[in-house]
Amino acid sequence: MITSFALNTSKPILCGGNDVKNQEREQWHSGANFFAFAPGKIIGYERNNHTVEELNKNGFEVLRAKDVINNKVKIEDYEKAVVTIHGSELARGGGGARCMTMPVRRKLL
């Protein structure tokens, strides 16, 4: 479950959407391991297409990391965005975006 606390809402967004089989599959593939890098901005694996689709249904614009890196889109132009990364090799280590950023220190908002 992904919760938008940074946006002062607590509506749950289900990992894998509403289908139990998709939920189980994407939980095992780091679908619940997205990382919030700014208020309303998260990053996670593109292969979790049901989770990404659910985020999109809940107002998150879907942006490819490749497009952000190559300055084709500006993350600052979006209030809510999910940046999707291709990461088949990264996942072999058993972690997702959140795991690969630990520990992180941030300024208090």
C-alpha atoms as a PDB file:
ATOM      1  CA  MET A   1       0.000   0.000   0.000  1.00  0.00           C
ATOM      2  CA  ILE A   2       1.292   3.426  -0.933  1.00  0.00           C
ATOM      3  CA  THR A   3      -0.107   6.347   1.041  1.00  0.00           C
ATOM      4  CA  SER A   4       0.144   9.980   0.019  1.00  0.00           C
ATOM      5  CA  PHE A   5       0.997  11.445   3.432  1.00  0.00           C
ATOM      6  CA  ALA A   6       3.121  14.184   1.852  1.00  0.00           C
ATOM      7  CA  LEU A   7       0.009  15.500   0.111  1.00  0.00           C
ATOM      8  CA  ASN A   8      -2.047  15.484   3.334  1.00  0.00           C
ATOM      9  CA  THR A   9      -4.192  12.588   2.175  1.00  0.00           C
ATOM     10  CA  SER A  10      -4.379   9.086   3.531  1.00  0.00           C
ATOM     11  CA  LYS A  11      -6.142   7.263   0.709  1.00  0.00           C
ATOM     12  CA  PRO A  12      -4.365   3.940   0.211  1.00  0.00           C
ATOM     13  CA  ILE A  13      -3.130   3.051  -3.266  1.00  0.00           C
ATOM     14  CA  LEU A  14      -2.862  -0.708  -3.480  1.00  0.00           C
ATOM     15  CA  CYS A  15       0.292  -2.352  -4.739  1.00  0.00           C
ATOM     16  CA  GLY A  16      -0.808  -4.325  -7.804  1.00  0.00           C
ATOM     17  CA  GLY A  17      -4.233  -2.688  -7.976  1.00  0.00           C
ATOM     18  CA  ASN A  18      -7.417  -4.477  -6.919  1.00  0.00           C
ATOM     19  CA  ASP A  19      -6.620  -7.960  -8.269  1.00  0.00           C
ATOM     20  CA  VAL A  20      -5.208 -10.287  -5.574  1.00  0.00           C
ATOM     21  CA  LYS A  21      -2.956 -12.183  -8.017  1.00  0.00           C
ATOM     22  CA  ASN A  22      -1.471  -8.925  -9.318  1.00  0.00           C
ATOM     23  CA  GLN A  23      -0.996  -7.716  -5.743  1.00  0.00           C
ATOM     24  CA  GLU A  24       0.923 -10.859  -4.767  1.00  0.00           C
ATOM     25  CA  ARG A  25       3.050 -10.818  -7.933  1.00  0.00           C
ATOM     26  CA  GLU A  26       4.006  -7.164  -7.662  1.00  0.00           C
ATOM     27  CA  GLN A  27       4.696  -7.339  -3.917  1.00  0.00           C
ATOM     28  CA  TRP A  28       7.299 -10.018  -4.678  1.00  0.00           C
ATOM     29  CA  HIS A  29       8.750  -7.773  -7.405  1.00  0.00           C
ATOM     30  CA  SER A  30       9.235  -4.656  -5.244  1.00  0.00           C
ATOM     31  CA  GLY A  31       5.900  -3.051  -6.146  1.00  0.00           C
ATOM     32  CA  ALA A  32       5.520  -1.972  -2.539  1.00  0.00           C
ATOM     33  CA  ASN A  33       9.112  -0.715  -2.484  1.00  0.00           C
ATOM     34  CA  PHE A  34       8.723   2.654  -4.213  1.00  0.00           C
ATOM     35  CA  PHE A  35      10.609   5.625  -2.785  1.00  0.00           C
ATOM     36  CA  ALA A  36       9.285   9.137  -2.134  1.00  0.00           C
ATOM     37  CA  PHE A  37      12.098  11.535  -3.078  1.00  0.00           C
ATOM     38  CA  ALA A  38      10.026  14.721  -2.733  1.00  0.00           C
ATOM     39  CA  PRO A  39       6.452  15.562  -1.728  1.00  0.00           C
ATOM     40  CA  GLY A  40       4.201  13.976  -4.365  1.00  0.00           C
ATOM     41  CA  LYS A  41       7.163  12.450  -6.259  1.00  0.00           C
ATOM     42  CA  ILE A  42       8.031   8.755  -6.128  1.00  0.00           C
ATOM     43  CA  ILE A  43      10.289   6.369  -8.013  1.00  0.00           C
ATOM     44  CA  GLY A  44       9.933   2.635  -8.633  1.00  0.00           C
ATOM     45  CA  TYR A  45      10.268  -0.198 -11.142  1.00  0.00           C
ATOM     46  CA  GLU A  46       8.378   0.139 -14.422  1.00  0.00           C
ATOM     47  CA  ARG A  47       7.727  -3.623 -14.480  1.00  0.00           C
ATOM     48  CA  ASN A  48       5.159  -3.136 -11.693  1.00  0.00           C
ATOM     49  CA  ASN A  49       2.697  -2.003 -14.325  1.00  0.00           C
ATOM     50  CA  HIS A  50      -0.425  -2.659 -12.235  1.00  0.00           C
ATOM     51  CA  THR A  51       0.929  -0.560  -9.366  1.00  0.00           C
ATOM     52  CA  VAL A  52       2.010   2.197 -11.764  1.00  0.00           C
ATOM     53  CA  GLU A  53      -1.425   2.086 -13.411  1.00  0.00           C
ATOM     54  CA  GLU A  54      -3.110   2.399 -10.003  1.00  0.00           C
ATOM     55  CA  LEU A  55      -0.913   5.396  -9.171  1.00  0.00           C
ATOM     56  CA  ASN A  56      -1.835   6.967 -12.508  1.00  0.00           C
ATOM     57  CA  LYS A  57      -5.552   6.443 -11.774  1.00  0.00           C
ATOM     58  CA  ASN A  58      -4.965   8.341  -8.536  1.00  0.00           C
ATOM     59  CA  GLY A  59      -3.460  11.409 -10.169  1.00  0.00           C
ATOM     60  CA  PHE A  60       0.218  10.522 -10.506  1.00  0.00           C
ATOM     61  CA  GLU A  61       1.713  11.375 -13.896  1.00  0.00           C
ATOM     62  CA  VAL A  62       3.886   8.503 -15.142  1.00  0.00           C
ATOM     63  CA  LEU A  63       7.353   9.637 -16.246  1.00  0.00           C
ATOM     64  CA  ARG A  64      10.178   7.449 -17.511  1.00  0.00           C
ATOM     65  CA  ALA A  65      13.491   7.972 -15.709  1.00  0.00           C
ATOM     66  CA  LYS A  66      15.199   8.011 -19.092  1.00  0.00           C
ATOM     67  CA  ASP A  67      13.092  11.039 -20.121  1.00  0.00           C
ATOM     68  CA  VAL A  68      13.795  12.852 -16.843  1.00  0.00           C
ATOM     69  CA  ILE A  69      17.548  12.212 -17.136  1.00  0.00           C
ATOM     70  CA  ASN A  70      17.616  13.369 -20.781  1.00  0.00           C
ATOM     71  CA  ASN A  71      15.651  16.539 -19.899  1.00  0.00           C
ATOM     72  CA  LYS A  72      12.693  15.565 -22.093  1.00  0.00           C
ATOM     73  CA  VAL A  73      10.403  16.192 -19.111  1.00  0.00           C
ATOM     74  CA  LYS A  74      10.880  18.253 -15.968  1.00  0.00           C
ATOM     75  CA  ILE A  75       9.782  16.637 -12.732  1.00  0.00           C
ATOM     76  CA  GLU A  76       9.124  20.111 -11.284  1.00  0.00           C
ATOM     77  CA  ASP A  77       6.273  20.583 -13.787  1.00  0.00           C
ATOM     78  CA  TYR A  78       4.174  17.952 -12.002  1.00  0.00           C
ATOM     79  CA  GLU A  79       2.497  18.091  -8.607  1.00  0.00           C
ATOM     80  CA  LYS A  80       2.297  14.293  -8.422  1.00  0.00           C
ATOM     81  CA  ALA A  81       4.549  12.010 -10.449  1.00  0.00           C
ATOM     82  CA  VAL A  82       5.883   8.486 -10.432  1.00  0.00           C
ATOM     83  CA  VAL A  83       9.258   8.076 -12.146  1.00  0.00           C
ATOM     84  CA  THR A  84       9.637   4.577 -13.520  1.00  0.00           C
ATOM     85  CA  ILE A  85      13.026   2.910 -13.775  1.00  0.00           C
ATOM     86  CA  HIS A  86      14.016  -0.075 -15.849  1.00  0.00           C
ATOM     87  CA  GLY A  87      15.861  -2.242 -13.414  1.00  0.00           C
ATOM     88  CA  SER A  88      15.828  -5.938 -14.170  1.00  0.00           C
ATOM     89  CA  GLU A  89      19.423  -6.338 -12.995  1.00  0.00           C
ATOM     90  CA  LEU A  90      18.965  -4.191  -9.883  1.00  0.00           C
ATOM     91  CA  ALA A  91      16.119  -6.396  -8.651  1.00  0.00           C
ATOM     92  CA  ARG A  92      18.336  -9.473  -8.625  1.00  0.00           C
ATOM     93  CA  GLY A  93      19.768  -8.182  -5.359  1.00  0.00           C
ATOM     94  CA  GLY A  94      16.304  -8.368  -3.818  1.00  0.00           C
ATOM     95  CA  GLY A  95      15.616  -4.699  -3.315  1.00  0.00           C
ATOM     96  CA  GLY A  96      13.764  -1.824  -4.862  1.00  0.00           C
ATOM     97  CA  ALA A  97      14.176   1.927  -5.001  1.00  0.00           C
ATOM     98  CA  ARG A  98      13.572   2.417  -1.271  1.00  0.00           C
ATOM     99  CA  CYS A  99      16.088  -0.247  -0.254  1.00  0.00           C
ATOM    100  CA  MET A 100      18.783   1.220  -2.489  1.00  0.00           C
ATOM    101  CA  THR A 101      18.548   4.622  -0.815  1.00  0.00           C
ATOM    102  CA  MET A 102      18.935   3.623   2.814  1.00  0.00           C
ATOM    103  CA  PRO A 103      19.998   5.439   4.866  1.00  0.00           C
ATOM    104  CA  VAL A 104      18.964   8.859   3.632  1.00  0.00           C
ATOM    105  CA  ARG A 105      19.071  12.112   5.552  1.00  0.00           C
ATOM    106  CA  ARG A 106      16.730  14.893   4.565  1.00  0.00           C
ATOM    107  CA  LYS A 107      16.026  18.363   5.795  1.00  0.00           C
ATOM    108  CA  LEU A 108      12.817  18.703   7.748  1.00  0.00           C
ATOM    109  CA  LEU A 109      10.004  20.042   5.585  1.00  0.00           C
END
